[in-house]
Amino acid sequence: MKVKRVKLSLILMVVFIIIIGFITLIPLLWMIVTSFKTESEASALIPTLLPTSITLDNYIDLFNQLRFEKYIISSVIVVLLSFIGILVNSFAGFAFEKYEFKGKEILFYIVLTTMMIPAQVTMIPVYLILNRVGLTNNYLGIVLPGLANGYLIFMYRSFMSTVPNEIMEAARIDGTSEFQVFYKIALPVIKPALSIQIVLTFISGWNSFLWPLILSNDERYYTLSVALNIMKNHYIGYFGLQMAGAAIMLLPVIIVFVFFQKNIIDGSVTSGIK
């Protein structure tokens, strides 16, 4: 009897998860289906579940008329430059954990304090600083404020604490440089954390909207999010076109997440244990 109850509860749990998963996927499926509909069918008063005639006109118009490729290139550049933050945060976490220097604890507490300050509070001062040094309308200005992250520095420091100091000292005695100590000894330990930051950095850079919109007044530096917002305002009622743009923007995020899914889970479990 007890076994039957366990099996029943397991079946109910699986069914519940499937239902929740399906409900979650409905907007995604609707977006993809609508992107292949004609504009007349996409904006019809009575919507159709599947397109009566599949068309690629929406995707073709994105690149032929709206020059969507320039926004894709801009987003890719922002993402690639944002990856510099992986080195910045990992080096900082390594230094805070494995080196002794004056004011180390006070400086680390200052870094942790930044986690409690909303980004909206610092937006205007950061803009004024970047404007003063000539980094507005510039890719470097877009990514520079987000390269250092207090939470990630704290996470890397936590992972670095598991690296034995004896092994590092032995490597130094053998003539290993400090960079090689980091690369060959510390880096394998923080691989789960690196996987998490790679995904988060990609998603953050790919979806960046507010800061590129504030910092740039030149379309060359607009990301996909900014382009979709502009398209939404200028092409009201063109639902198929908007869904095609959203699908192009979402596809790389899904691919990256699926590719790094196991690493994200392992990293989350490992960081939770720590």
Protein backbone atom coordinates (compact mmCIF):
# COMPACT_ATOMS: atom_id res chain seq x y z
CA MET A 1 0.00 0.00 0.00
CA LYS A 2 2.83 2.34 0.92
CA VAL A 3 4.61 1.57 -2.38
CA LYS A 4 1.44 2.38 -4.32
CA ARG A 5 1.17 5.74 -2.53
CA VAL A 6 4.78 6.56 -3.39
CA LYS A 7 4.23 5.65 -7.05
CA LEU A 8 1.02 7.69 -7.15
CA SER A 9 2.72 10.74 -5.63
CA LEU A 10 5.60 10.36 -8.09
CA ILE A 11 3.21 10.17 -11.04
CA LEU A 12 1.30 13.22 -9.83
CA MET A 13 4.56 15.13 -9.41
CA VAL A 14 5.69 14.25 -12.96
CA VAL A 15 2.31 15.26 -14.38
CA PHE A 16 2.41 18.54 -12.45
CA ILE A 17 5.93 19.31 -13.75
CA ILE A 18 4.87 18.53 -17.33
CA ILE A 19 1.84 20.84 -17.03
CA ILE A 20 3.93 23.68 -15.57
CA GLY A 21 6.58 23.15 -18.26
CA PHE A 22 3.96 23.28 -21.01
CA ILE A 23 2.40 26.46 -19.59
CA THR A 24 5.88 28.02 -19.45
CA LEU A 25 6.58 27.07 -23.07
CA ILE A 26 3.31 28.46 -24.46
CA PRO A 27 4.60 32.06 -24.99
CA LEU A 28 7.80 30.72 -26.58
CA LEU A 29 5.90 28.42 -28.94
CA TRP A 30 3.43 31.17 -29.82
CA MET A 31 6.31 33.54 -30.63
CA ILE A 32 7.97 31.02 -32.96
CA VAL A 33 4.72 30.05 -34.70
CA THR A 34 3.69 33.69 -35.19
CA SER A 35 7.06 34.56 -36.71
CA PHE A 36 6.25 32.20 -39.64
CA LYS A 37 2.77 33.66 -40.26
CA THR A 38 1.89 36.33 -42.79
CA GLU A 39 1.17 39.75 -41.31
CA SER A 40 -2.54 39.46 -42.12
CA GLU A 41 -2.76 36.13 -40.32
CA ALA A 42 -0.59 37.24 -37.38
CA SER A 43 -2.80 40.29 -36.76
CA ALA A 44 -6.12 38.51 -37.40
CA LEU A 45 -8.87 39.14 -34.86
CA ILE A 46 -9.38 35.40 -34.42
CA PRO A 47 -5.90 33.91 -34.03
CA THR A 48 -4.92 30.61 -35.60
CA LEU A 49 -2.92 28.03 -33.69
CA LEU A 50 -0.73 27.09 -36.66
CA PRO A 51 0.06 29.15 -39.77
CA THR A 52 -2.09 28.26 -42.78
CA SER A 53 0.89 29.00 -45.02
CA ILE A 54 4.44 29.10 -43.65
CA THR A 55 6.43 32.12 -44.81
CA LEU A 56 9.95 33.46 -44.19
CA ASP A 57 9.02 36.99 -45.24
CA ASN A 58 9.28 38.31 -41.67
CA TYR A 59 12.86 37.10 -41.31
CA ILE A 60 13.78 38.34 -44.80
CA ASP A 61 12.34 41.79 -44.04
CA LEU A 62 14.36 42.01 -40.83
CA PHE A 63 17.62 41.80 -42.75
CA ASN A 64 16.65 43.43 -46.05
CA GLN A 65 14.65 46.39 -44.77
CA LEU A 66 15.66 46.87 -41.12
CA ARG A 67 19.33 45.87 -41.50
CA PHE A 68 19.03 43.63 -38.43
CA GLU A 69 22.54 42.24 -38.90
CA LYS A 70 24.14 45.45 -37.62
CA TYR A 71 22.32 45.09 -34.30
CA ILE A 72 23.39 41.44 -34.08
CA ILE A 73 27.02 42.45 -34.68
CA SER A 74 26.72 45.17 -32.03
CA SER A 75 25.33 42.68 -29.47
CA VAL A 76 28.10 40.19 -30.27
CA ILE A 77 30.76 42.87 -29.73
CA VAL A 78 29.19 43.83 -26.39
CA VAL A 79 29.13 40.17 -25.30
CA LEU A 80 32.75 39.55 -26.31
CA LEU A 81 33.98 42.66 -24.49
CA SER A 82 31.90 41.69 -21.45
CA PHE A 83 33.85 38.44 -21.21
CA ILE A 84 36.82 40.53 -20.01
CA GLY A 85 34.91 40.70 -16.72
CA ILE A 86 35.54 36.96 -16.25
CA LEU A 87 39.27 37.65 -15.95
CA VAL A 88 38.74 40.78 -13.83
CA ASN A 89 36.52 39.06 -11.27
CA SER A 90 38.50 35.81 -11.11
CA PHE A 91 41.80 37.67 -10.68
CA ALA A 92 40.25 39.82 -7.96
CA GLY A 93 38.85 36.79 -6.11
CA PHE A 94 42.24 35.07 -6.35
CA ALA A 95 44.06 38.15 -5.00
CA PHE A 96 41.66 38.65 -2.09
CA GLU A 97 41.99 35.02 -1.01
CA LYS A 98 45.65 34.18 -1.67
CA TYR A 99 47.58 37.43 -1.20
CA GLU A 100 48.17 39.64 1.80
CA PHE A 101 48.27 43.40 1.28
CA LYS A 102 47.49 46.50 3.28
CA GLY A 103 43.80 47.34 3.54
CA LYS A 104 42.74 43.97 2.13
CA GLU A 105 39.77 43.39 4.44
CA ILE A 106 38.52 46.97 4.23
CA LEU A 107 38.74 46.88 0.44
CA PHE A 108 36.87 43.57 0.34
CA TYR A 109 34.09 44.99 2.54
CA ILE A 110 33.82 47.93 0.13
CA VAL A 111 33.44 45.45 -2.74
CA LEU A 112 30.67 43.64 -0.84
CA THR A 113 28.96 46.97 -0.14
CA THR A 114 28.57 47.55 -3.87
CA MET A 115 26.22 44.55 -3.95
CA MET A 116 23.71 46.55 -1.89
CA ILE A 117 23.68 49.59 -4.19
CA PRO A 118 21.07 49.43 -7.00
CA ALA A 119 22.47 50.05 -10.47
CA GLN A 120 19.87 52.77 -11.04
CA VAL A 121 21.43 54.86 -8.26
CA THR A 122 24.86 54.95 -9.90
CA MET A 123 23.66 55.32 -13.49
CA ILE A 124 23.80 59.12 -13.67
CA PRO A 125 27.22 59.49 -11.95
CA VAL A 126 28.70 56.74 -14.13
CA TYR A 127 27.28 58.38 -17.26
CA LEU A 128 28.78 61.74 -16.30
CA ILE A 129 32.18 60.14 -15.68
CA LEU A 130 32.15 58.26 -18.99
CA ASN A 131 30.99 61.37 -20.80
CA ARG A 132 33.85 63.35 -19.27
CA VAL A 133 36.46 60.86 -20.49
CA GLY A 134 34.87 60.50 -23.93
CA LEU A 135 33.47 56.99 -23.66
CA THR A 136 29.89 57.72 -24.70
CA ASN A 137 28.90 56.29 -28.10
CA ASN A 138 31.54 53.65 -27.52
CA TYR A 139 31.45 49.89 -26.97
CA LEU A 140 33.99 50.15 -24.17
CA GLY A 141 31.78 52.63 -22.34
CA ILE A 142 28.82 50.24 -22.64
CA VAL A 143 30.61 47.28 -21.02
CA LEU A 144 33.06 49.04 -18.67
CA PRO A 145 30.68 49.64 -15.69
CA GLY A 146 29.71 45.96 -15.57
CA LEU A 147 33.15 44.36 -15.81
CA ALA A 148 33.68 44.19 -12.03
CA ASN A 149 30.94 42.55 -9.97
CA GLY A 150 30.96 42.30 -6.18
CA TYR A 151 28.95 39.08 -6.06
CA LEU A 152 31.20 37.31 -8.57
CA ILE A 153 34.35 38.45 -6.75
CA PHE A 154 32.89 37.05 -3.53
CA MET A 155 32.00 33.78 -5.29
CA TYR A 156 35.47 33.39 -6.79
CA ARG A 157 37.09 34.10 -3.43
CA SER A 158 34.96 31.35 -1.90
CA PHE A 159 36.09 28.86 -4.55
CA MET A 160 39.73 29.95 -4.23
CA SER A 161 39.70 29.09 -0.51
CA THR A 162 39.73 25.39 -1.46
CA VAL A 163 43.05 25.71 -3.31
CA PRO A 164 45.83 24.39 -0.96
CA ASN A 165 48.44 27.04 -0.22
CA GLU A 166 51.12 24.31 0.04
CA ILE A 167 50.68 23.35 -3.62
CA MET A 168 50.97 26.99 -4.66
CA GLU A 169 54.13 27.47 -2.61
CA ALA A 170 55.65 24.30 -4.08
CA ALA A 171 54.89 25.57 -7.58
CA ARG A 172 56.53 28.93 -6.82
CA ILE A 173 59.65 27.17 -5.51
CA ASP A 174 59.82 25.27 -8.83
CA GLY A 175 59.93 28.62 -10.63
CA THR A 176 56.29 28.85 -11.68
CA SER A 177 55.12 32.40 -12.33
CA GLU A 178 52.10 33.85 -10.53
CA PHE A 179 50.03 33.72 -13.69
CA GLN A 180 50.90 30.04 -14.17
CA VAL A 181 49.95 29.36 -10.55
CA PHE A 182 46.56 30.88 -11.27
CA TYR A 183 46.15 29.15 -14.65
CA LYS A 184 47.38 25.66 -13.74
CA ILE A 185 46.37 25.35 -10.07
CA ALA A 186 43.53 27.75 -9.27
CA LEU A 187 41.66 27.77 -12.59
CA PRO A 188 40.66 24.06 -12.55
CA VAL A 189 39.09 24.59 -9.12
CA ILE A 190 36.90 27.50 -10.24
CA LYS A 191 35.64 25.91 -13.47
CA PRO A 192 32.06 25.55 -12.09
CA ALA A 193 32.06 29.25 -11.19
CA LEU A 194 33.46 30.14 -14.61
CA SER A 195 30.67 28.22 -16.32
CA ILE A 196 28.06 30.15 -14.36
CA GLN A 197 29.67 33.51 -15.16
CA ILE A 198 30.03 32.68 -18.86
CA VAL A 199 26.29 32.06 -19.11
CA LEU A 200 25.31 35.05 -16.97
CA THR A 201 27.72 37.34 -18.83
CA PHE A 202 26.40 36.20 -22.20
CA ILE A 203 22.76 36.66 -21.20
CA SER A 204 23.46 40.05 -19.60
CA GLY A 205 25.42 41.35 -22.60
CA TRP A 206 23.07 39.89 -25.20
CA ASN A 207 19.96 41.29 -23.46
CA SER A 208 21.47 44.64 -22.44
CA PHE A 209 18.95 47.38 -23.10
CA LEU A 210 18.84 50.35 -20.74
CA TRP A 211 22.54 51.19 -20.55
CA PRO A 212 23.24 51.03 -24.33
CA LEU A 213 20.11 53.15 -24.87
CA ILE A 214 21.30 55.78 -22.37
CA LEU A 215 24.96 55.83 -23.39
CA SER A 216 24.52 55.79 -27.18
CA ASN A 217 22.70 58.05 -29.59
CA ASP A 218 24.19 56.36 -32.64
CA GLU A 219 22.43 53.31 -34.11
CA ARG A 220 25.79 51.63 -34.71
CA TYR A 221 26.02 50.90 -30.98
CA TYR A 222 22.41 49.78 -30.45
CA THR A 223 22.01 46.21 -29.22
CA LEU A 224 19.25 43.81 -30.25
CA SER A 225 17.11 44.76 -27.25
CA VAL A 226 17.22 48.42 -28.22
CA ALA A 227 16.47 47.55 -31.85
CA LEU A 228 13.44 45.46 -30.86
CA ASN A 229 12.10 48.30 -28.73
CA ILE A 230 12.50 50.75 -31.60
CA MET A 231 10.87 48.28 -33.99
CA LYS A 232 7.96 47.82 -31.57
CA ASN A 233 7.33 51.59 -31.57
CA HIS A 234 7.78 52.11 -35.33
CA TYR A 235 6.09 48.96 -36.60
CA ILE A 236 2.97 48.84 -34.44
CA GLY A 237 0.70 46.04 -35.59
CA TYR A 238 3.44 44.11 -37.40
CA PHE A 239 3.29 41.21 -34.98
CA GLY A 240 4.93 38.67 -37.26
CA LEU A 241 7.91 40.96 -37.79
CA GLN A 242 8.25 41.61 -34.07
CA MET A 243 8.03 37.91 -33.21
CA ALA A 244 10.69 37.10 -35.82
CA GLY A 245 13.04 39.64 -34.20
CA ALA A 246 12.33 38.24 -30.75
CA ALA A 247 12.97 34.68 -31.98
CA ILE A 248 16.36 35.67 -33.42
CA MET A 249 17.27 37.31 -30.13
CA LEU A 250 16.15 34.36 -28.00
CA LEU A 251 17.73 31.54 -30.03
CA PRO A 252 21.39 32.12 -28.97
CA VAL A 253 20.36 32.34 -25.30
CA ILE A 254 18.63 28.95 -25.51
CA ILE A 255 21.64 27.40 -27.26
CA VAL A 256 24.10 28.72 -24.65
CA PHE A 257 21.89 27.59 -21.78
CA VAL A 258 21.45 24.08 -23.21
CA PHE A 259 25.19 23.79 -23.89
CA PHE A 260 26.19 24.88 -20.36
CA GLN A 261 23.20 23.38 -18.51
CA LYS A 262 25.17 20.62 -16.77
CA ASN A 263 27.93 23.05 -15.77
CA ILE A 264 25.40 25.50 -14.34
CA ILE A 265 23.76 22.81 -12.22
CA ASP A 266 27.13 21.47 -11.01
CA GLY A 267 28.34 24.98 -10.23
CA SER A 268 25.17 25.88 -8.35
CA VAL A 269 25.34 22.69 -6.27
CA THR A 270 29.05 23.18 -5.54
CA SER A 271 28.62 26.83 -4.55
CA GLY A 272 25.66 25.85 -2.37
CA ILE A 273 27.78 23.28 -0.54
CA LYS A 274 30.45 25.86 0.09
